[in-house]
Amino acid sequence: MKQIFHDNRAVATSVGFILTFSITVITFLLVMNASYNMMEQSEQTVMREEFEIHGSNIALQLTEMESLVNITTNAGGEVGEIRYEILLPLKVANEYYYVEFVEFSDNDKEMIFESHGRDETRVKIPFELRNVNIKNTTINSASGEHFMLYNNTAKIIEIH
């Protein structure tokens, strides 16, 4: 019986197995955590890139609206109503988002795309309208279809 308590040959194998198993589990957890972080970063990158694309398209539509108004008024005509549909996806990277149209001054305007109030997904897209103003508005992607409407009496573009 005394020999069983003082025999250390099996201890090295047991300790080696426990250490190897522990190191393997810790390494696996670290790799999984790193891959999860990389996936979240790539999701945010995709969101920002898509927001930039959609913002550029909206800025182009705003410029077209202003050009139509300018051409019509310079030719002596009167603009009744101009309406453009804003084509935005319901979700980007499987997340809802909002778009805020902000006019700081006559020359300083921008669209802010953001998802869930996270700075990592915020994209600011400046645009310029010289003769037409835009109403400060926030639209949510979950609310469905959106459109821009030129209000002739106020000479302002409204986003609905």
C-alpha atoms as a PDB file:
ATOM      1  CA  MET A   1       0.000   0.000   0.000  1.00  0.00           C
ATOM      2  CA  LYS A   2       2.875   2.335   0.767  1.00  0.00           C
ATOM      3  CA  GLN A   3       4.212   1.874  -2.750  1.00  0.00           C
ATOM      4  CA  ILE A   4       0.983   3.159  -4.344  1.00  0.00           C
ATOM      5  CA  PHE A   5       1.185   6.497  -2.513  1.00  0.00           C
ATOM      6  CA  HIS A   6       4.836   7.077  -3.382  1.00  0.00           C
ATOM      7  CA  ASP A   7       4.705   5.980  -7.015  1.00  0.00           C
ATOM      8  CA  ASN A   8       5.018   9.151  -9.147  1.00  0.00           C
ATOM      9  CA  ARG A   9       5.132   7.529 -12.607  1.00  0.00           C
ATOM     10  CA  ALA A  10       1.419   8.057 -13.385  1.00  0.00           C
ATOM     11  CA  VAL A  11       1.442  11.646 -12.124  1.00  0.00           C
ATOM     12  CA  ALA A  12       3.498  12.930 -15.049  1.00  0.00           C
ATOM     13  CA  THR A  13       1.066  11.428 -17.568  1.00  0.00           C
ATOM     14  CA  SER A  14      -2.008  12.819 -15.766  1.00  0.00           C
ATOM     15  CA  VAL A  15      -0.515  16.280 -15.320  1.00  0.00           C
ATOM     16  CA  GLY A  16       0.640  16.304 -18.942  1.00  0.00           C
ATOM     17  CA  PHE A  17      -2.829  15.361 -20.173  1.00  0.00           C
ATOM     18  CA  ILE A  18      -4.522  18.037 -18.027  1.00  0.00           C
ATOM     19  CA  LEU A  19      -2.067  20.715 -19.144  1.00  0.00           C
ATOM     20  CA  THR A  20      -2.402  19.755 -22.822  1.00  0.00           C
ATOM     21  CA  PHE A  21      -6.183  19.694 -22.609  1.00  0.00           C
ATOM     22  CA  SER A  22      -6.281  23.077 -20.808  1.00  0.00           C
ATOM     23  CA  ILE A  23      -3.962  24.722 -23.325  1.00  0.00           C
ATOM     24  CA  THR A  24      -6.041  23.319 -26.200  1.00  0.00           C
ATOM     25  CA  VAL A  25      -9.300  24.662 -24.732  1.00  0.00           C
ATOM     26  CA  ILE A  26      -7.807  28.110 -24.050  1.00  0.00           C
ATOM     27  CA  THR A  27      -6.328  28.290 -27.565  1.00  0.00           C
ATOM     28  CA  PHE A  28      -9.669  27.271 -29.086  1.00  0.00           C
ATOM     29  CA  LEU A  29     -11.498  29.961 -27.105  1.00  0.00           C
ATOM     30  CA  LEU A  30      -8.981  32.638 -28.140  1.00  0.00           C
ATOM     31  CA  VAL A  31      -9.285  31.681 -31.819  1.00  0.00           C
ATOM     32  CA  MET A  32     -13.098  31.718 -31.633  1.00  0.00           C
ATOM     33  CA  ASN A  33     -13.087  35.136 -29.940  1.00  0.00           C
ATOM     34  CA  ALA A  34     -10.699  36.581 -32.526  1.00  0.00           C
ATOM     35  CA  SER A  35     -12.781  35.255 -35.435  1.00  0.00           C
ATOM     36  CA  TYR A  36     -15.966  36.683 -33.883  1.00  0.00           C
ATOM     37  CA  ASN A  37     -14.318  40.124 -33.567  1.00  0.00           C
ATOM     38  CA  MET A  38     -13.121  39.961 -37.170  1.00  0.00           C
ATOM     39  CA  MET A  39     -16.615  39.076 -38.391  1.00  0.00           C
ATOM     40  CA  GLU A  40     -18.147  42.016 -36.506  1.00  0.00           C
ATOM     41  CA  GLN A  41     -15.547  44.415 -37.922  1.00  0.00           C
ATOM     42  CA  SER A  42     -16.199  43.203 -41.462  1.00  0.00           C
ATOM     43  CA  GLU A  43     -19.957  43.637 -40.902  1.00  0.00           C
ATOM     44  CA  GLN A  44     -19.409  47.255 -39.872  1.00  0.00           C
ATOM     45  CA  THR A  45     -17.176  47.835 -42.900  1.00  0.00           C
ATOM     46  CA  VAL A  46     -19.862  46.452 -45.201  1.00  0.00           C
ATOM     47  CA  MET A  47     -22.451  48.719 -43.552  1.00  0.00           C
ATOM     48  CA  ARG A  48     -20.325  51.826 -44.010  1.00  0.00           C
ATOM     49  CA  GLU A  49     -19.614  51.014 -47.656  1.00  0.00           C
ATOM     50  CA  GLU A  50     -23.284  50.406 -48.437  1.00  0.00           C
ATOM     51  CA  PHE A  51     -24.258  53.594 -46.610  1.00  0.00           C
ATOM     52  CA  GLU A  52     -21.782  55.536 -48.761  1.00  0.00           C
ATOM     53  CA  ILE A  53     -23.244  54.047 -51.943  1.00  0.00           C
ATOM     54  CA  HIS A  54     -26.847  54.830 -50.970  1.00  0.00           C
ATOM     55  CA  GLY A  55     -25.883  58.306 -49.752  1.00  0.00           C
ATOM     56  CA  SER A  56     -24.178  59.076 -53.051  1.00  0.00           C
ATOM     57  CA  ASN A  57     -27.290  57.980 -54.940  1.00  0.00           C
ATOM     58  CA  ILE A  58     -29.519  60.205 -52.784  1.00  0.00           C
ATOM     59  CA  ALA A  59     -27.114  63.154 -53.211  1.00  0.00           C
ATOM     60  CA  LEU A  60     -27.311  62.630 -56.978  1.00  0.00           C
ATOM     61  CA  GLN A  61     -31.128  62.669 -56.832  1.00  0.00           C
ATOM     62  CA  LEU A  62     -31.068  65.873 -54.783  1.00  0.00           C
ATOM     63  CA  THR A  63     -28.757  67.494 -57.330  1.00  0.00           C
ATOM     64  CA  GLU A  64     -31.068  66.394 -60.161  1.00  0.00           C
ATOM     65  CA  MET A  65     -34.059  67.921 -58.371  1.00  0.00           C
ATOM     66  CA  GLU A  66     -32.232  71.201 -57.904  1.00  0.00           C
ATOM     67  CA  SER A  67     -31.124  71.201 -61.550  1.00  0.00           C
ATOM     68  CA  LEU A  68     -34.706  70.662 -62.737  1.00  0.00           C
ATOM     69  CA  VAL A  69     -35.923  73.516 -60.543  1.00  0.00           C
ATOM     70  CA  ASN A  70     -33.137  75.829 -61.761  1.00  0.00           C
ATOM     71  CA  ILE A  71     -33.658  75.019 -65.445  1.00  0.00           C
ATOM     72  CA  THR A  72     -37.409  75.444 -65.198  1.00  0.00           C
ATOM     73  CA  THR A  73     -37.270  78.752 -63.314  1.00  0.00           C
ATOM     74  CA  ASN A  74     -34.503  80.173 -65.529  1.00  0.00           C
ATOM     75  CA  ALA A  75     -36.616  79.354 -68.601  1.00  0.00           C
ATOM     76  CA  GLY A  76     -39.521  81.310 -67.111  1.00  0.00           C
ATOM     77  CA  GLY A  77     -41.535  78.306 -66.049  1.00  0.00           C
ATOM     78  CA  GLU A  78     -42.969  77.321 -62.727  1.00  0.00           C
ATOM     79  CA  VAL A  79     -42.358  74.063 -60.899  1.00  0.00           C
ATOM     80  CA  GLY A  80     -45.546  72.440 -59.659  1.00  0.00           C
ATOM     81  CA  GLU A  81     -44.264  69.309 -57.946  1.00  0.00           C
ATOM     82  CA  ILE A  82     -41.210  67.132 -58.253  1.00  0.00           C
ATOM     83  CA  ARG A  83     -41.204  63.810 -56.508  1.00  0.00           C
ATOM     84  CA  TYR A  84     -38.401  61.265 -56.391  1.00  0.00           C
ATOM     85  CA  GLU A  85     -38.644  57.879 -54.749  1.00  0.00           C
ATOM     86  CA  ILE A  86     -35.729  57.068 -52.454  1.00  0.00           C
ATOM     87  CA  LEU A  87     -34.724  53.469 -53.021  1.00  0.00           C
ATOM     88  CA  LEU A  88     -33.246  52.175 -49.788  1.00  0.00           C
ATOM     89  CA  PRO A  89     -33.028  48.575 -48.608  1.00  0.00           C
ATOM     90  CA  LEU A  90     -34.980  47.604 -45.519  1.00  0.00           C
ATOM     91  CA  LYS A  91     -31.826  46.300 -43.807  1.00  0.00           C
ATOM     92  CA  VAL A  92     -28.097  46.612 -44.357  1.00  0.00           C
ATOM     93  CA  ALA A  93     -25.993  43.748 -42.973  1.00  0.00           C
ATOM     94  CA  ASN A  94     -29.205  42.413 -41.427  1.00  0.00           C
ATOM     95  CA  GLU A  95     -29.647  45.578 -39.320  1.00  0.00           C
ATOM     96  CA  TYR A  96     -32.164  48.432 -39.457  1.00  0.00           C
ATOM     97  CA  TYR A  97     -30.730  51.932 -39.779  1.00  0.00           C
ATOM     98  CA  TYR A  98     -31.754  55.557 -40.061  1.00  0.00           C
ATOM     99  CA  VAL A  99     -30.820  58.456 -42.311  1.00  0.00           C
ATOM    100  CA  GLU A 100     -30.707  62.009 -41.009  1.00  0.00           C
ATOM    101  CA  PHE A 101     -30.748  64.977 -43.381  1.00  0.00           C
ATOM    102  CA  VAL A 102     -29.143  68.001 -41.733  1.00  0.00           C
ATOM    103  CA  GLU A 103     -28.725  71.542 -43.028  1.00  0.00           C
ATOM    104  CA  PHE A 104     -26.218  73.500 -40.948  1.00  0.00           C
ATOM    105  CA  SER A 105     -26.090  76.552 -43.212  1.00  0.00           C
ATOM    106  CA  ASP A 106     -26.733  77.410 -46.850  1.00  0.00           C
ATOM    107  CA  ASN A 107     -23.613  75.612 -48.020  1.00  0.00           C
ATOM    108  CA  ASP A 108     -23.141  73.020 -45.271  1.00  0.00           C
ATOM    109  CA  LYS A 109     -25.503  70.062 -45.641  1.00  0.00           C
ATOM    110  CA  GLU A 110     -25.013  66.378 -44.989  1.00  0.00           C
ATOM    111  CA  MET A 111     -26.713  63.023 -44.702  1.00  0.00           C
ATOM    112  CA  ILE A 112     -25.879  60.863 -41.718  1.00  0.00           C
ATOM    113  CA  PHE A 113     -26.403  57.121 -42.024  1.00  0.00           C
ATOM    114  CA  GLU A 114     -26.215  55.156 -38.793  1.00  0.00           C
ATOM    115  CA  SER A 115     -27.269  51.805 -37.399  1.00  0.00           C
ATOM    116  CA  HIS A 116     -28.276  51.370 -33.731  1.00  0.00           C
ATOM    117  CA  GLY A 117     -26.531  54.562 -32.639  1.00  0.00           C
ATOM    118  CA  ARG A 118     -23.086  53.005 -33.054  1.00  0.00           C
ATOM    119  CA  ASP A 119     -20.238  55.299 -34.036  1.00  0.00           C
ATOM    120  CA  GLU A 120     -18.577  52.412 -35.883  1.00  0.00           C
ATOM    121  CA  THR A 121     -21.361  52.412 -38.478  1.00  0.00           C
ATOM    122  CA  ARG A 122     -21.874  56.187 -38.794  1.00  0.00           C
ATOM    123  CA  VAL A 123     -21.252  57.639 -42.247  1.00  0.00           C
ATOM    124  CA  LYS A 124     -21.547  61.364 -43.014  1.00  0.00           C
ATOM    125  CA  ILE A 125     -22.085  62.288 -46.643  1.00  0.00           C
ATOM    126  CA  PRO A 126     -21.873  65.982 -47.508  1.00  0.00           C
ATOM    127  CA  PHE A 127     -23.877  67.369 -50.416  1.00  0.00           C
ATOM    128  CA  GLU A 128     -24.468  70.788 -51.899  1.00  0.00           C
ATOM    129  CA  LEU A 129     -27.683  72.533 -52.875  1.00  0.00           C
ATOM    130  CA  ARG A 130     -27.291  76.192 -53.856  1.00  0.00           C
ATOM    131  CA  ASN A 131     -30.780  77.447 -54.673  1.00  0.00           C
ATOM    132  CA  VAL A 132     -32.957  74.964 -52.843  1.00  0.00           C
ATOM    133  CA  ASN A 133     -33.004  74.143 -49.154  1.00  0.00           C
ATOM    134  CA  ILE A 134     -33.731  70.810 -47.533  1.00  0.00           C
ATOM    135  CA  LYS A 135     -35.865  70.225 -44.479  1.00  0.00           C
ATOM    136  CA  ASN A 136     -34.042  68.646 -41.517  1.00  0.00           C
ATOM    137  CA  THR A 137     -35.533  65.176 -41.338  1.00  0.00           C
ATOM    138  CA  THR A 138     -34.752  61.714 -40.017  1.00  0.00           C
ATOM    139  CA  ILE A 139     -36.108  58.622 -41.734  1.00  0.00           C
ATOM    140  CA  ASN A 140     -35.957  55.054 -40.470  1.00  0.00           C
ATOM    141  CA  SER A 141     -35.412  52.149 -42.842  1.00  0.00           C
ATOM    142  CA  ALA A 142     -38.013  50.076 -41.003  1.00  0.00           C
ATOM    143  CA  SER A 143     -40.781  52.559 -41.834  1.00  0.00           C
ATOM    144  CA  GLY A 144     -41.015  51.416 -45.463  1.00  0.00           C
ATOM    145  CA  GLU A 145     -40.989  53.507 -48.637  1.00  0.00           C
ATOM    146  CA  HIS A 146     -39.512  57.005 -48.690  1.00  0.00           C
ATOM    147  CA  PHE A 147     -39.643  59.853 -51.178  1.00  0.00           C
ATOM    148  CA  MET A 148     -38.389  63.400 -51.729  1.00  0.00           C
ATOM    149  CA  LEU A 149     -40.874  66.128 -52.593  1.00  0.00           C
ATOM    150  CA  TYR A 150     -40.107  69.636 -53.809  1.00  0.00           C
ATOM    151  CA  ASN A 151     -42.377  72.162 -52.077  1.00  0.00           C
ATOM    152  CA  ASN A 152     -42.730  75.078 -54.519  1.00  0.00           C
ATOM    153  CA  THR A 153     -44.202  77.562 -52.037  1.00  0.00           C
ATOM    154  CA  ALA A 154     -41.393  77.162 -49.495  1.00  0.00           C
ATOM    155  CA  LYS A 155     -38.714  76.301 -52.111  1.00  0.00           C
ATOM    156  CA  ILE A 156     -37.618  73.396 -49.954  1.00  0.00           C
ATOM    157  CA  ILE A 157     -37.137  69.669 -50.462  1.00  0.00           C
ATOM    158  CA  GLU A 158     -39.048  67.592 -47.959  1.00  0.00           C
ATOM    159  CA  ILE A 159     -38.184  63.971 -47.184  1.00  0.00           C
ATOM    160  CA  HIS A 160     -41.097  61.657 -46.350  1.00  0.00           C
END
